[in-house]
Amino acid sequence: MRHGTGRETAVIVIAGVVLALVMPLLIDTHVLTLIIAHGLLALSLGLIWGFGGVLCFGQAAFFGLGAYTFAIAGINLGESTVPVILAVLVPAAFALALGAMMFYGRLGDVYLAVITLVVTLILYRWINSTAGPDYVIGSARLGGYNGIPGFPILNVPGRPDLMIWGETLYHVAAATLLIVFVLVTWLLRSSFGRIAVGIRENEERVSLLGFDIRARKTILFAIGAAIAGLAGALYATWAEVVTPSLFSLQQSAEIIIWCIVGGLGTRFGPILGASVLAYLKFSLGQQNLVDNMFVLGLVLVLFVLFLPRGLAPELARGWQRIAGVQRKPARRRRAPKAEAHDG
């Protein structure tokens, strides 16, 4: 499967830089930072599900683990450099252990989805029950349903006194998303990525070729969790508070809806879906007339019925049609000249 040439990736990155510079003229950078964190989270599931064929309801768990790890480590260390690294490593290690148990246990797709959902709900229940003074990690109290407020936010490495917030945080988040996007593109164009897509298409055939599909699924699962943990760290420094709602069933459902609406099997689709729906949710949050989840559910149903491939593939198809129409007249004008020359 073709995942895009280097030229296409360069065009997308340039377009991303232009958007990062233009969007603050249209939308407040505070809102844009949240959208970027959600886009990064959607990309993590898009990698696991869209290219690895593993439907995971646990991205909210990895997202929450990243956010809580960042907050807890920040309180204990007083700065953000190591906490950001831990926010990536802790969800990745957790996913590595969970994935090894699931994939080496040869569980079917339905059981994989159920187990990841159950793990997410267990973490949600447990975090909610940590309101007592006994639930402390170092100097950080878990806080139960109230969450953890007042932890150090992102700072310049080695300079805890230089905090990154506001418009600067937006630019850091945008750069992070672009870097992760390029790394995901490189991964998918590597032999590892091509084999992962082959496993999605025909697992038995890839296994007969001699590849360890269980190990590759486990590694891809952990990479997706690491990206989700990084998104959690960005969200935590944006919100300056982490709560058990990060592990909720609603959060898990939203991530899946983002990927379906944006377009599975594409790199840009989940980011696009998350950006559109996250901004829609933020806009709907300003009123009490319509429930957010009702609107998101309605959008999902409409896309499944009328645009099952998602936004990104349909936009790409529309662009190809427009470009094809523009090229055809040029070809027709050259034909008479060739005939006159041959005569």
C-alpha atoms as a PDB file:
ATOM      1  CA  MET A   1       0.000   0.000   0.000  1.00  0.00           C
ATOM      2  CA  ARG A   2       1.240   3.445  -0.861  1.00  0.00           C
ATOM      3  CA  HIS A   3       1.424   5.869   2.048  1.00  0.00           C
ATOM      4  CA  GLY A   4       2.628   8.922   0.185  1.00  0.00           C
ATOM      5  CA  THR A   5       5.884  10.017  -1.316  1.00  0.00           C
ATOM      6  CA  GLY A   6       8.410  12.320   0.300  1.00  0.00           C
ATOM      7  CA  ARG A   7       7.104  15.150  -1.859  1.00  0.00           C
ATOM      8  CA  GLU A   8       3.562  14.636  -0.595  1.00  0.00           C
ATOM      9  CA  THR A   9       4.795  14.599   3.001  1.00  0.00           C
ATOM     10  CA  ALA A  10       6.761  17.805   2.419  1.00  0.00           C
ATOM     11  CA  VAL A  11       3.668  19.470   0.942  1.00  0.00           C
ATOM     12  CA  ILE A  12       1.571  18.435   3.942  1.00  0.00           C
ATOM     13  CA  VAL A  13       4.219  19.689   6.385  1.00  0.00           C
ATOM     14  CA  ILE A  14       4.479  23.032   4.567  1.00  0.00           C
ATOM     15  CA  ALA A  15       0.689  23.265   4.582  1.00  0.00           C
ATOM     16  CA  GLY A  16       0.751  22.496   8.301  1.00  0.00           C
ATOM     17  CA  VAL A  17       3.247  25.289   8.959  1.00  0.00           C
ATOM     18  CA  VAL A  18       1.113  27.723   6.962  1.00  0.00           C
ATOM     19  CA  LEU A  19      -2.010  26.649   8.862  1.00  0.00           C
ATOM     20  CA  ALA A  20      -0.182  27.011  12.185  1.00  0.00           C
ATOM     21  CA  LEU A  21       0.612  30.618  11.266  1.00  0.00           C
ATOM     22  CA  VAL A  22      -2.800  31.461   9.815  1.00  0.00           C
ATOM     23  CA  MET A  23      -5.200  29.758  12.234  1.00  0.00           C
ATOM     24  CA  PRO A  24      -4.463  32.109  15.194  1.00  0.00           C
ATOM     25  CA  LEU A  25      -5.953  34.873  13.035  1.00  0.00           C
ATOM     26  CA  LEU A  26      -9.247  32.953  12.985  1.00  0.00           C
ATOM     27  CA  ILE A  27      -9.403  31.028  16.274  1.00  0.00           C
ATOM     28  CA  ASP A  28      -7.997  31.778  19.724  1.00  0.00           C
ATOM     29  CA  THR A  29      -4.697  29.979  20.376  1.00  0.00           C
ATOM     30  CA  HIS A  30      -6.071  28.586  23.654  1.00  0.00           C
ATOM     31  CA  VAL A  31      -8.703  26.653  21.715  1.00  0.00           C
ATOM     32  CA  LEU A  32      -6.224  25.688  18.984  1.00  0.00           C
ATOM     33  CA  THR A  33      -3.862  24.128  21.528  1.00  0.00           C
ATOM     34  CA  LEU A  34      -6.666  21.880  22.760  1.00  0.00           C
ATOM     35  CA  ILE A  35      -7.528  20.936  19.169  1.00  0.00           C
ATOM     36  CA  ILE A  36      -3.901  20.016  18.481  1.00  0.00           C
ATOM     37  CA  ALA A  37      -3.740  17.798  21.584  1.00  0.00           C
ATOM     38  CA  HIS A  38      -6.872  16.003  20.405  1.00  0.00           C
ATOM     39  CA  GLY A  39      -5.448  15.721  16.888  1.00  0.00           C
ATOM     40  CA  LEU A  40      -2.345  14.042  18.282  1.00  0.00           C
ATOM     41  CA  LEU A  41      -4.545  11.685  20.289  1.00  0.00           C
ATOM     42  CA  ALA A  42      -6.590  10.807  17.191  1.00  0.00           C
ATOM     43  CA  LEU A  43      -3.389  10.143  15.235  1.00  0.00           C
ATOM     44  CA  SER A  44      -2.354   7.609  17.876  1.00  0.00           C
ATOM     45  CA  LEU A  45      -5.516   5.561  17.356  1.00  0.00           C
ATOM     46  CA  GLY A  46      -5.380   6.110  13.604  1.00  0.00           C
ATOM     47  CA  LEU A  47      -1.969   4.437  13.590  1.00  0.00           C
ATOM     48  CA  ILE A  48      -3.085   1.411  15.635  1.00  0.00           C
ATOM     49  CA  TRP A  49      -6.502   0.919  14.066  1.00  0.00           C
ATOM     50  CA  GLY A  50      -6.195   2.379  10.593  1.00  0.00           C
ATOM     51  CA  PHE A  51      -2.836   0.822   9.706  1.00  0.00           C
ATOM     52  CA  GLY A  52      -2.478  -2.005  12.222  1.00  0.00           C
ATOM     53  CA  GLY A  53      -6.083  -3.206  12.130  1.00  0.00           C
ATOM     54  CA  VAL A  54      -6.357  -3.241  15.945  1.00  0.00           C
ATOM     55  CA  LEU A  55      -9.541  -1.620  17.247  1.00  0.00           C
ATOM     56  CA  CYS A  56      -8.519  -0.232  20.631  1.00  0.00           C
ATOM     57  CA  PHE A  57     -10.853   1.314  23.187  1.00  0.00           C
ATOM     58  CA  GLY A  58      -7.861   2.004  25.420  1.00  0.00           C
ATOM     59  CA  GLN A  59      -6.509   5.207  23.882  1.00  0.00           C
ATOM     60  CA  ALA A  60      -8.310   7.183  26.591  1.00  0.00           C
ATOM     61  CA  ALA A  61      -6.467   5.075  29.174  1.00  0.00           C
ATOM     62  CA  PHE A  62      -3.091   5.866  27.601  1.00  0.00           C
ATOM     63  CA  PHE A  63      -4.100   9.521  27.248  1.00  0.00           C
ATOM     64  CA  GLY A  64      -5.050   9.697  30.917  1.00  0.00           C
ATOM     65  CA  LEU A  65      -1.921   7.845  32.028  1.00  0.00           C
ATOM     66  CA  GLY A  66       0.209  10.340  30.138  1.00  0.00           C
ATOM     67  CA  ALA A  67      -1.588  13.312  31.691  1.00  0.00           C
ATOM     68  CA  TYR A  68      -1.467  11.923  35.246  1.00  0.00           C
ATOM     69  CA  THR A  69       2.171  10.869  34.888  1.00  0.00           C
ATOM     70  CA  PHE A  70       3.077  14.369  33.733  1.00  0.00           C
ATOM     71  CA  ALA A  71       1.242  15.957  36.673  1.00  0.00           C
ATOM     72  CA  ILE A  72       2.590  13.570  39.336  1.00  0.00           C
ATOM     73  CA  ALA A  73       6.178  13.720  38.070  1.00  0.00           C
ATOM     74  CA  GLY A  74       5.966  17.499  37.744  1.00  0.00           C
ATOM     75  CA  ILE A  75       4.907  17.912  41.373  1.00  0.00           C
ATOM     76  CA  ASN A  76       7.702  15.657  42.592  1.00  0.00           C
ATOM     77  CA  LEU A  77      10.443  17.029  40.331  1.00  0.00           C
ATOM     78  CA  GLY A  78       9.408  20.677  40.044  1.00  0.00           C
ATOM     79  CA  GLU A  79       9.963  20.907  36.282  1.00  0.00           C
ATOM     80  CA  SER A  80       8.634  19.362  33.069  1.00  0.00           C
ATOM     81  CA  THR A  81      11.504  17.885  31.062  1.00  0.00           C
ATOM     82  CA  VAL A  82      11.610  14.473  32.733  1.00  0.00           C
ATOM     83  CA  PRO A  83       7.813  14.414  33.276  1.00  0.00           C
ATOM     84  CA  VAL A  84       7.233  14.752  29.514  1.00  0.00           C
ATOM     85  CA  ILE A  85       9.557  11.823  28.860  1.00  0.00           C
ATOM     86  CA  LEU A  86       7.811   9.769  31.540  1.00  0.00           C
ATOM     87  CA  ALA A  87       4.419  10.724  30.107  1.00  0.00           C
ATOM     88  CA  VAL A  88       5.508   8.993  26.903  1.00  0.00           C
ATOM     89  CA  LEU A  89       7.287   6.011  28.463  1.00  0.00           C
ATOM     90  CA  VAL A  90       4.733   5.017  31.127  1.00  0.00           C
ATOM     91  CA  PRO A  91       1.772   4.529  28.725  1.00  0.00           C
ATOM     92  CA  ALA A  92       4.119   2.831  26.236  1.00  0.00           C
ATOM     93  CA  ALA A  93       5.344   0.365  28.888  1.00  0.00           C
ATOM     94  CA  PHE A  94       1.787  -0.276  30.072  1.00  0.00           C
ATOM     95  CA  ALA A  95       0.636  -0.888  26.484  1.00  0.00           C
ATOM     96  CA  LEU A  96       3.644  -3.119  25.826  1.00  0.00           C
ATOM     97  CA  ALA A  97       2.690  -5.369  28.756  1.00  0.00           C
ATOM     98  CA  LEU A  98      -1.025  -5.318  27.925  1.00  0.00           C
ATOM     99  CA  GLY A  99      -0.415  -5.874  24.222  1.00  0.00           C
ATOM    100  CA  ALA A 100       1.936  -8.793  24.861  1.00  0.00           C
ATOM    101  CA  MET A 101      -0.713 -10.507  26.971  1.00  0.00           C
ATOM    102  CA  MET A 102      -3.424  -9.940  24.363  1.00  0.00           C
ATOM    103  CA  PHE A 103      -1.538 -10.662  21.161  1.00  0.00           C
ATOM    104  CA  TYR A 104       0.523 -13.577  22.436  1.00  0.00           C
ATOM    105  CA  GLY A 105      -2.685 -14.904  23.962  1.00  0.00           C
ATOM    106  CA  ARG A 106      -4.057 -15.037  20.399  1.00  0.00           C
ATOM    107  CA  LEU A 107      -7.244 -13.173  21.297  1.00  0.00           C
ATOM    108  CA  GLY A 108      -9.705 -12.288  18.559  1.00  0.00           C
ATOM    109  CA  ASP A 109     -10.490  -8.741  17.488  1.00  0.00           C
ATOM    110  CA  VAL A 110     -13.711  -8.567  19.508  1.00  0.00           C
ATOM    111  CA  TYR A 111     -11.962  -9.710  22.688  1.00  0.00           C
ATOM    112  CA  LEU A 112      -9.160  -7.175  22.096  1.00  0.00           C
ATOM    113  CA  ALA A 113     -11.699  -4.360  21.893  1.00  0.00           C
ATOM    114  CA  VAL A 114     -13.521  -5.568  25.010  1.00  0.00           C
ATOM    115  CA  ILE A 115     -10.344  -5.976  27.077  1.00  0.00           C
ATOM    116  CA  THR A 116      -9.033  -2.507  26.211  1.00  0.00           C
ATOM    117  CA  LEU A 117     -12.438  -1.056  27.073  1.00  0.00           C
ATOM    118  CA  VAL A 118     -12.519  -2.895  30.409  1.00  0.00           C
ATOM    119  CA  VAL A 119      -8.990  -1.718  31.266  1.00  0.00           C
ATOM    120  CA  THR A 120     -10.043   1.872  30.565  1.00  0.00           C
ATOM    121  CA  LEU A 121     -13.122   1.567  32.786  1.00  0.00           C
ATOM    122  CA  ILE A 122     -11.081  -0.051  35.585  1.00  0.00           C
ATOM    123  CA  LEU A 123      -8.623   2.843  35.553  1.00  0.00           C
ATOM    124  CA  TYR A 124     -11.511   5.310  35.493  1.00  0.00           C
ATOM    125  CA  ARG A 125     -13.128   3.667  38.537  1.00  0.00           C
ATOM    126  CA  TRP A 126      -9.849   3.391  40.412  1.00  0.00           C
ATOM    127  CA  ILE A 127      -8.790   7.003  39.832  1.00  0.00           C
ATOM    128  CA  ASN A 128     -12.211   8.165  41.010  1.00  0.00           C
ATOM    129  CA  SER A 129     -11.739   6.252  44.271  1.00  0.00           C
ATOM    130  CA  THR A 130      -8.426   7.876  45.242  1.00  0.00           C
ATOM    131  CA  ALA A 131      -9.864  10.832  47.143  1.00  0.00           C
ATOM    132  CA  GLY A 132      -8.403   9.880  50.535  1.00  0.00           C
ATOM    133  CA  PRO A 133      -5.115  11.134  51.989  1.00  0.00           C
ATOM    134  CA  ASP A 134      -3.595   7.658  51.646  1.00  0.00           C
ATOM    135  CA  TYR A 135      -3.503   7.895  47.866  1.00  0.00           C
ATOM    136  CA  VAL A 136      -0.241   9.757  47.461  1.00  0.00           C
ATOM    137  CA  ILE A 137       2.682   9.274  45.079  1.00  0.00           C
ATOM    138  CA  GLY A 138       5.634  11.153  46.522  1.00  0.00           C
ATOM    139  CA  SER A 139       4.354  14.663  47.157  1.00  0.00           C
ATOM    140  CA  ALA A 140       1.417  14.354  44.746  1.00  0.00           C
ATOM    141  CA  ARG A 141      -2.074  13.528  45.987  1.00  0.00           C
ATOM    142  CA  LEU A 142      -4.221  11.797  43.365  1.00  0.00           C
ATOM    143  CA  GLY A 143      -7.301  13.688  44.523  1.00  0.00           C
ATOM    144  CA  GLY A 144      -9.993  11.244  43.417  1.00  0.00           C
ATOM    145  CA  TYR A 145     -12.790  12.798  41.381  1.00  0.00           C
ATOM    146  CA  ASN A 146     -11.313  16.268  42.000  1.00  0.00           C
ATOM    147  CA  GLY A 147      -8.156  15.332  40.128  1.00  0.00           C
ATOM    148  CA  ILE A 148      -4.731  16.941  40.469  1.00  0.00           C
ATOM    149  CA  PRO A 149      -4.488  20.724  40.108  1.00  0.00           C
ATOM    150  CA  GLY A 150      -1.579  23.085  40.581  1.00  0.00           C
ATOM    151  CA  PHE A 151       1.278  21.074  39.087  1.00  0.00           C
ATOM    152  CA  PRO A 152       4.187  22.673  37.167  1.00  0.00           C
ATOM    153  CA  ILE A 153       3.291  23.206  33.520  1.00  0.00           C
ATOM    154  CA  LEU A 154       5.613  22.844  30.526  1.00  0.00           C
ATOM    155  CA  ASN A 155       8.834  24.792  30.841  1.00  0.00           C
ATOM    156  CA  VAL A 156      11.995  25.399  28.836  1.00  0.00           C
ATOM    157  CA  PRO A 157      14.312  22.406  29.448  1.00  0.00           C
ATOM    158  CA  GLY A 158      16.694  23.232  32.270  1.00  0.00           C
ATOM    159  CA  ARG A 159      14.832  26.454  33.123  1.00  0.00           C
ATOM    160  CA  PRO A 160      11.871  25.721  35.438  1.00  0.00           C
ATOM    161  CA  ASP A 161      11.364  29.456  35.835  1.00  0.00           C
ATOM    162  CA  LEU A 162      10.562  29.891  32.104  1.00  0.00           C
ATOM    163  CA  MET A 163       7.056  28.522  31.675  1.00  0.00           C
ATOM    164  CA  ILE A 164       5.572  27.754  28.253  1.00  0.00           C
ATOM    165  CA  TRP A 165       1.972  28.885  27.999  1.00  0.00           C
ATOM    166  CA  GLY A 166      -0.422  30.905  25.855  1.00  0.00           C
ATOM    167  CA  GLU A 167       0.633  31.481  22.269  1.00  0.00           C
ATOM    168  CA  THR A 168       4.060  29.922  22.869  1.00  0.00           C
ATOM    169  CA  LEU A 169       2.413  26.712  24.061  1.00  0.00           C
ATOM    170  CA  TYR A 170       0.314  26.697  20.890  1.00  0.00           C
ATOM    171  CA  HIS A 171       3.408  26.897  18.673  1.00  0.00           C
ATOM    172  CA  VAL A 172       5.153  24.165  20.679  1.00  0.00           C
ATOM    173  CA  ALA A 173       2.069  21.945  20.360  1.00  0.00           C
ATOM    174  CA  ALA A 174       1.829  22.605  16.605  1.00  0.00           C
ATOM    175  CA  ALA A 175       5.523  21.771  16.131  1.00  0.00           C
ATOM    176  CA  THR A 176       5.073  18.600  18.186  1.00  0.00           C
ATOM    177  CA  LEU A 177       2.168  17.468  16.017  1.00  0.00           C
ATOM    178  CA  LEU A 178       4.136  18.080  12.813  1.00  0.00           C
ATOM    179  CA  ILE A 179       7.173  16.204  14.118  1.00  0.00           C
ATOM    180  CA  VAL A 180       5.080  13.221  15.220  1.00  0.00           C
ATOM    181  CA  PHE A 181       3.267  13.259  11.871  1.00  0.00           C
ATOM    182  CA  VAL A 182       6.574  13.074   9.999  1.00  0.00           C
ATOM    183  CA  LEU A 183       7.800  10.258  12.260  1.00  0.00           C
ATOM    184  CA  VAL A 184       4.572   8.308  11.737  1.00  0.00           C
ATOM    185  CA  THR A 185       4.947   8.801   7.964  1.00  0.00           C
ATOM    186  CA  TRP A 186       8.520   7.514   8.113  1.00  0.00           C
ATOM    187  CA  LEU A 187       7.392   4.519  10.178  1.00  0.00           C
ATOM    188  CA  LEU A 188       4.636   3.622   7.717  1.00  0.00           C
ATOM    189  CA  ARG A 189       6.995   3.874   4.745  1.00  0.00           C
ATOM    190  CA  SER A 190       9.547   1.629   6.438  1.00  0.00           C
ATOM    191  CA  SER A 191       9.520  -2.154   6.184  1.00  0.00           C
ATOM    192  CA  PHE A 192       7.941  -2.309   9.651  1.00  0.00           C
ATOM    193  CA  GLY A 193       5.031  -0.145   8.529  1.00  0.00           C
ATOM    194  CA  ARG A 194       4.494  -2.048   5.296  1.00  0.00           C
ATOM    195  CA  ILE A 195       4.431  -5.341   7.174  1.00  0.00           C
ATOM    196  CA  ALA A 196       1.981  -3.853   9.712  1.00  0.00           C
ATOM    197  CA  VAL A 197      -0.377  -2.956   6.865  1.00  0.00           C
ATOM    198  CA  GLY A 198       0.106  -6.432   5.437  1.00  0.00           C
ATOM    199  CA  ILE A 199      -0.935  -7.892   8.796  1.00  0.00           C
ATOM    200  CA  ARG A 200      -4.052  -5.746   8.706  1.00  0.00           C
ATOM    201  CA  GLU A 201      -4.924  -6.991   5.223  1.00  0.00           C
ATOM    202  CA  ASN A 202      -4.083 -10.683   5.667  1.00  0.00           C
ATOM    203  CA  GLU A 203      -2.599 -11.776   8.962  1.00  0.00           C
ATOM    204  CA  GLU A 204      -2.282 -15.438   8.021  1.00  0.00           C
ATOM    205  CA  ARG A 205      -0.358 -14.738   4.825  1.00  0.00           C
ATOM    206  CA  VAL A 206       2.153 -12.496   6.616  1.00  0.00           C
ATOM    207  CA  SER A 207       2.619 -15.164   9.265  1.00  0.00           C
ATOM    208  CA  LEU A 208       3.321 -17.764   6.584  1.00  0.00           C
ATOM    209  CA  LEU A 209       6.047 -15.473   5.219  1.00  0.00           C
ATOM    210  CA  GLY A 210       7.902 -15.917   8.511  1.00  0.00           C
ATOM    211  CA  PHE A 211       7.144 -12.639  10.310  1.00  0.00           C
ATOM    212  CA  ASP A 212       6.273 -12.578  14.012  1.00  0.00           C
ATOM    213  CA  ILE A 213       2.937 -10.801  13.791  1.00  0.00           C
ATOM    214  CA  ARG A 214       2.386 -10.849  17.565  1.00  0.00           C
ATOM    215  CA  ALA A 215       5.604  -8.980  18.290  1.00  0.00           C
ATOM    216  CA  ARG A 216       4.918  -6.410  15.563  1.00  0.00           C
ATOM    217  CA  LYS A 217       1.375  -5.807  16.784  1.00  0.00           C
ATOM    218  CA  THR A 218       2.656  -5.363  20.330  1.00  0.00           C
ATOM    219  CA  ILE A 219       5.275  -2.826  19.252  1.00  0.00           C
ATOM    220  CA  LEU A 220       2.780  -0.864  17.129  1.00  0.00           C
ATOM    221  CA  PHE A 221       0.334  -0.912  20.037  1.00  0.00           C
ATOM    222  CA  ALA A 222       3.015   0.555  22.329  1.00  0.00           C
ATOM    223  CA  ILE A 223       3.969   3.244  19.801  1.00  0.00           C
ATOM    224  CA  GLY A 224       0.342   4.342  19.586  1.00  0.00           C
ATOM    225  CA  ALA A 225       0.159   4.473  23.379  1.00  0.00           C
ATOM    226  CA  ALA A 226       3.322   6.594  23.523  1.00  0.00           C
ATOM    227  CA  ILE A 227       1.775   9.142  21.133  1.00  0.00           C
ATOM    228  CA  ALA A 228      -1.418   9.178  23.224  1.00  0.00           C
ATOM    229  CA  GLY A 229       0.675   9.768  26.362  1.00  0.00           C
ATOM    230  CA  LEU A 230       2.403  12.714  24.701  1.00  0.00           C
ATOM    231  CA  ALA A 231      -1.025  14.115  23.822  1.00  0.00           C
ATOM    232  CA  GLY A 232      -1.980  13.688  27.478  1.00  0.00           C
ATOM    233  CA  ALA A 233       1.039  15.707  28.595  1.00  0.00           C
ATOM    234  CA  LEU A 234       0.110  18.527  26.192  1.00  0.00           C
ATOM    235  CA  TYR A 235      -3.468  18.455  27.441  1.00  0.00           C
ATOM    236  CA  ALA A 236      -2.334  18.538  31.074  1.00  0.00           C
ATOM    237  CA  THR A 237      -0.137  21.582  30.583  1.00  0.00           C
ATOM    238  CA  TRP A 238      -2.992  23.245  28.651  1.00  0.00           C
ATOM    239  CA  ALA A 239      -5.691  22.540  31.251  1.00  0.00           C
ATOM    240  CA  GLU A 240      -3.393  22.830  34.312  1.00  0.00           C
ATOM    241  CA  VAL A 241      -5.539  20.132  35.947  1.00  0.00           C
ATOM    242  CA  VAL A 242      -6.068  16.429  35.307  1.00  0.00           C
ATOM    243  CA  THR A 243      -9.245  14.580  36.324  1.00  0.00           C
ATOM    244  CA  PRO A 244     -10.633  11.026  36.006  1.00  0.00           C
ATOM    245  CA  SER A 245     -12.803  12.178  33.070  1.00  0.00           C
ATOM    246  CA  LEU A 246      -9.732  11.604  30.877  1.00  0.00           C
ATOM    247  CA  PHE A 247     -10.331   7.859  31.337  1.00  0.00           C
ATOM    248  CA  SER A 248     -14.079   8.004  30.757  1.00  0.00           C
ATOM    249  CA  LEU A 249     -16.111   5.952  28.294  1.00  0.00           C
ATOM    250  CA  GLN A 250     -17.198   9.179  26.619  1.00  0.00           C
ATOM    251  CA  GLN A 251     -13.573  10.084  25.922  1.00  0.00           C
ATOM    252  CA  SER A 252     -12.935   6.636  24.431  1.00  0.00           C
ATOM    253  CA  ALA A 253     -15.985   6.897  22.179  1.00  0.00           C
ATOM    254  CA  GLU A 254     -15.027  10.366  20.971  1.00  0.00           C
ATOM    255  CA  ILE A 255     -11.590   9.225  19.809  1.00  0.00           C
ATOM    256  CA  ILE A 256     -13.134   6.446  17.732  1.00  0.00           C
ATOM    257  CA  ILE A 257     -15.656   8.873  16.222  1.00  0.00           C
ATOM    258  CA  TRP A 258     -12.833  11.268  15.277  1.00  0.00           C
ATOM    259  CA  CYS A 259     -11.035   8.546  13.347  1.00  0.00           C
ATOM    260  CA  ILE A 260     -14.139   7.294  11.531  1.00  0.00           C
ATOM    261  CA  VAL A 261     -15.260  10.786  10.529  1.00  0.00           C
ATOM    262  CA  GLY A 262     -11.770  11.839   9.443  1.00  0.00           C
ATOM    263  CA  GLY A 263     -10.993   8.658   7.534  1.00  0.00           C
ATOM    264  CA  LEU A 264      -9.350   5.426   8.662  1.00  0.00           C
ATOM    265  CA  GLY A 265      -6.267   4.215   6.840  1.00  0.00           C
ATOM    266  CA  THR A 266      -5.001   7.758   6.281  1.00  0.00           C
ATOM    267  CA  ARG A 267      -2.463   9.747   8.240  1.00  0.00           C
ATOM    268  CA  PHE A 268      -4.209  13.088   8.014  1.00  0.00           C
ATOM    269  CA  GLY A 269      -7.794  11.852   8.373  1.00  0.00           C
ATOM    270  CA  PRO A 270      -7.876  11.265  12.162  1.00  0.00           C
ATOM    271  CA  ILE A 271      -6.257  14.665  12.761  1.00  0.00           C
ATOM    272  CA  LEU A 272      -8.829  16.334  10.511  1.00  0.00           C
ATOM    273  CA  GLY A 273     -11.711  14.509  12.173  1.00  0.00           C
ATOM    274  CA  ALA A 274     -10.478  15.421  15.645  1.00  0.00           C
ATOM    275  CA  SER A 275      -9.952  19.058  14.673  1.00  0.00           C
ATOM    276  CA  VAL A 276     -13.424  19.486  13.178  1.00  0.00           C
ATOM    277  CA  LEU A 277     -15.299  17.632  15.911  1.00  0.00           C
ATOM    278  CA  ALA A 278     -13.258  19.053  18.789  1.00  0.00           C
ATOM    279  CA  TYR A 279     -13.983  22.571  17.593  1.00  0.00           C
ATOM    280  CA  LEU A 280     -17.649  21.639  17.124  1.00  0.00           C
ATOM    281  CA  LYS A 281     -17.757  20.268  20.667  1.00  0.00           C
ATOM    282  CA  PHE A 282     -16.112  23.401  22.030  1.00  0.00           C
ATOM    283  CA  SER A 283     -18.656  25.562  20.197  1.00  0.00           C
ATOM    284  CA  LEU A 284     -21.558  23.456  21.453  1.00  0.00           C
ATOM    285  CA  GLY A 285     -20.166  23.737  24.956  1.00  0.00           C
ATOM    286  CA  GLN A 286     -21.173  27.385  24.968  1.00  0.00           C
ATOM    287  CA  GLN A 287     -24.879  26.429  25.029  1.00  0.00           C
ATOM    288  CA  ASN A 288     -27.161  24.038  26.958  1.00  0.00           C
ATOM    289  CA  LEU A 289     -29.852  23.432  24.339  1.00  0.00           C
ATOM    290  CA  VAL A 290     -28.303  20.360  22.630  1.00  0.00           C
ATOM    291  CA  ASP A 291     -26.215  17.604  24.222  1.00  0.00           C
ATOM    292  CA  ASN A 292     -22.694  17.263  22.809  1.00  0.00           C
ATOM    293  CA  MET A 293     -22.741  13.479  22.567  1.00  0.00           C
ATOM    294  CA  PHE A 294     -26.079  13.535  20.739  1.00  0.00           C
ATOM    295  CA  VAL A 295     -24.562  15.762  18.067  1.00  0.00           C
ATOM    296  CA  LEU A 296     -21.408  13.643  17.806  1.00  0.00           C
ATOM    297  CA  GLY A 297     -23.518  10.488  17.517  1.00  0.00           C
ATOM    298  CA  LEU A 298     -25.633  12.068  14.794  1.00  0.00           C
ATOM    299  CA  VAL A 299     -22.506  13.113  12.896  1.00  0.00           C
ATOM    300  CA  LEU A 300     -21.152   9.552  13.141  1.00  0.00           C
ATOM    301  CA  VAL A 301     -24.383   8.048  11.780  1.00  0.00           C
ATOM    302  CA  LEU A 302     -24.488  10.506   8.879  1.00  0.00           C
ATOM    303  CA  PHE A 303     -20.883   9.796   7.925  1.00  0.00           C
ATOM    304  CA  VAL A 304     -21.318   6.035   8.136  1.00  0.00           C
ATOM    305  CA  LEU A 305     -24.372   6.277   5.857  1.00  0.00           C
ATOM    306  CA  PHE A 306     -23.217   8.875   3.328  1.00  0.00           C
ATOM    307  CA  LEU A 307     -19.417   9.239   3.654  1.00  0.00           C
ATOM    308  CA  PRO A 308     -18.185   5.873   4.968  1.00  0.00           C
ATOM    309  CA  ARG A 309     -14.615   6.534   3.831  1.00  0.00           C
ATOM    310  CA  GLY A 310     -14.373   9.725   5.913  1.00  0.00           C
ATOM    311  CA  LEU A 311     -13.520  13.347   5.208  1.00  0.00           C
ATOM    312  CA  ALA A 312      -9.895  13.046   4.130  1.00  0.00           C
ATOM    313  CA  PRO A 313     -10.408  10.430   1.353  1.00  0.00           C
ATOM    314  CA  GLU A 314     -13.411  12.301  -0.028  1.00  0.00           C
ATOM    315  CA  LEU A 315     -11.525  15.600  -0.053  1.00  0.00           C
ATOM    316  CA  ALA A 316      -8.591  13.907  -1.802  1.00  0.00           C
ATOM    317  CA  ARG A 317     -10.942  12.387  -4.383  1.00  0.00           C
ATOM    318  CA  GLY A 318     -12.569  15.779  -5.002  1.00  0.00           C
ATOM    319  CA  TRP A 319      -9.173  17.406  -5.493  1.00  0.00           C
ATOM    320  CA  GLN A 320      -8.128  14.709  -7.957  1.00  0.00           C
ATOM    321  CA  ARG A 321     -11.293  15.272  -9.967  1.00  0.00           C
ATOM    322  CA  ILE A 322     -10.727  19.029 -10.086  1.00  0.00           C
ATOM    323  CA  ALA A 323      -7.067  18.575 -11.080  1.00  0.00           C
ATOM    324  CA  GLY A 324      -8.058  16.022 -13.738  1.00  0.00           C
ATOM    325  CA  VAL A 325     -10.604  18.387 -15.275  1.00  0.00           C
ATOM    326  CA  GLN A 326      -8.003  21.131 -15.405  1.00  0.00           C
ATOM    327  CA  ARG A 327      -5.465  18.898 -17.216  1.00  0.00           C
ATOM    328  CA  LYS A 328      -7.790  17.504 -19.876  1.00  0.00           C
ATOM    329  CA  PRO A 329      -8.225  20.697 -21.994  1.00  0.00           C
ATOM    330  CA  ALA A 330      -4.435  21.059 -22.280  1.00  0.00           C
ATOM    331  CA  ARG A 331      -4.148  17.559 -23.730  1.00  0.00           C
ATOM    332  CA  ARG A 332      -6.880  18.253 -26.282  1.00  0.00           C
ATOM    333  CA  ARG A 333      -5.159  21.400 -27.524  1.00  0.00           C
ATOM    334  CA  ARG A 334      -1.916  19.529 -28.204  1.00  0.00           C
ATOM    335  CA  ALA A 335      -3.530  16.791 -30.325  1.00  0.00           C
ATOM    336  CA  PRO A 336      -4.267  18.846 -33.504  1.00  0.00           C
ATOM    337  CA  LYS A 337      -0.651  20.107 -33.612  1.00  0.00           C
ATOM    338  CA  ALA A 338       0.669  16.553 -33.580  1.00  0.00           C
ATOM    339  CA  GLU A 339      -1.654  15.505 -36.428  1.00  0.00           C
ATOM    340  CA  ALA A 340      -0.612  18.512 -38.588  1.00  0.00           C
ATOM    341  CA  HIS A 341       3.043  17.703 -37.996  1.00  0.00           C
ATOM    342  CA  ASP A 342       2.554  14.055 -38.956  1.00  0.00           C
ATOM    343  CA  GLY A 343       0.786  15.083 -42.146  1.00  0.00           C
END
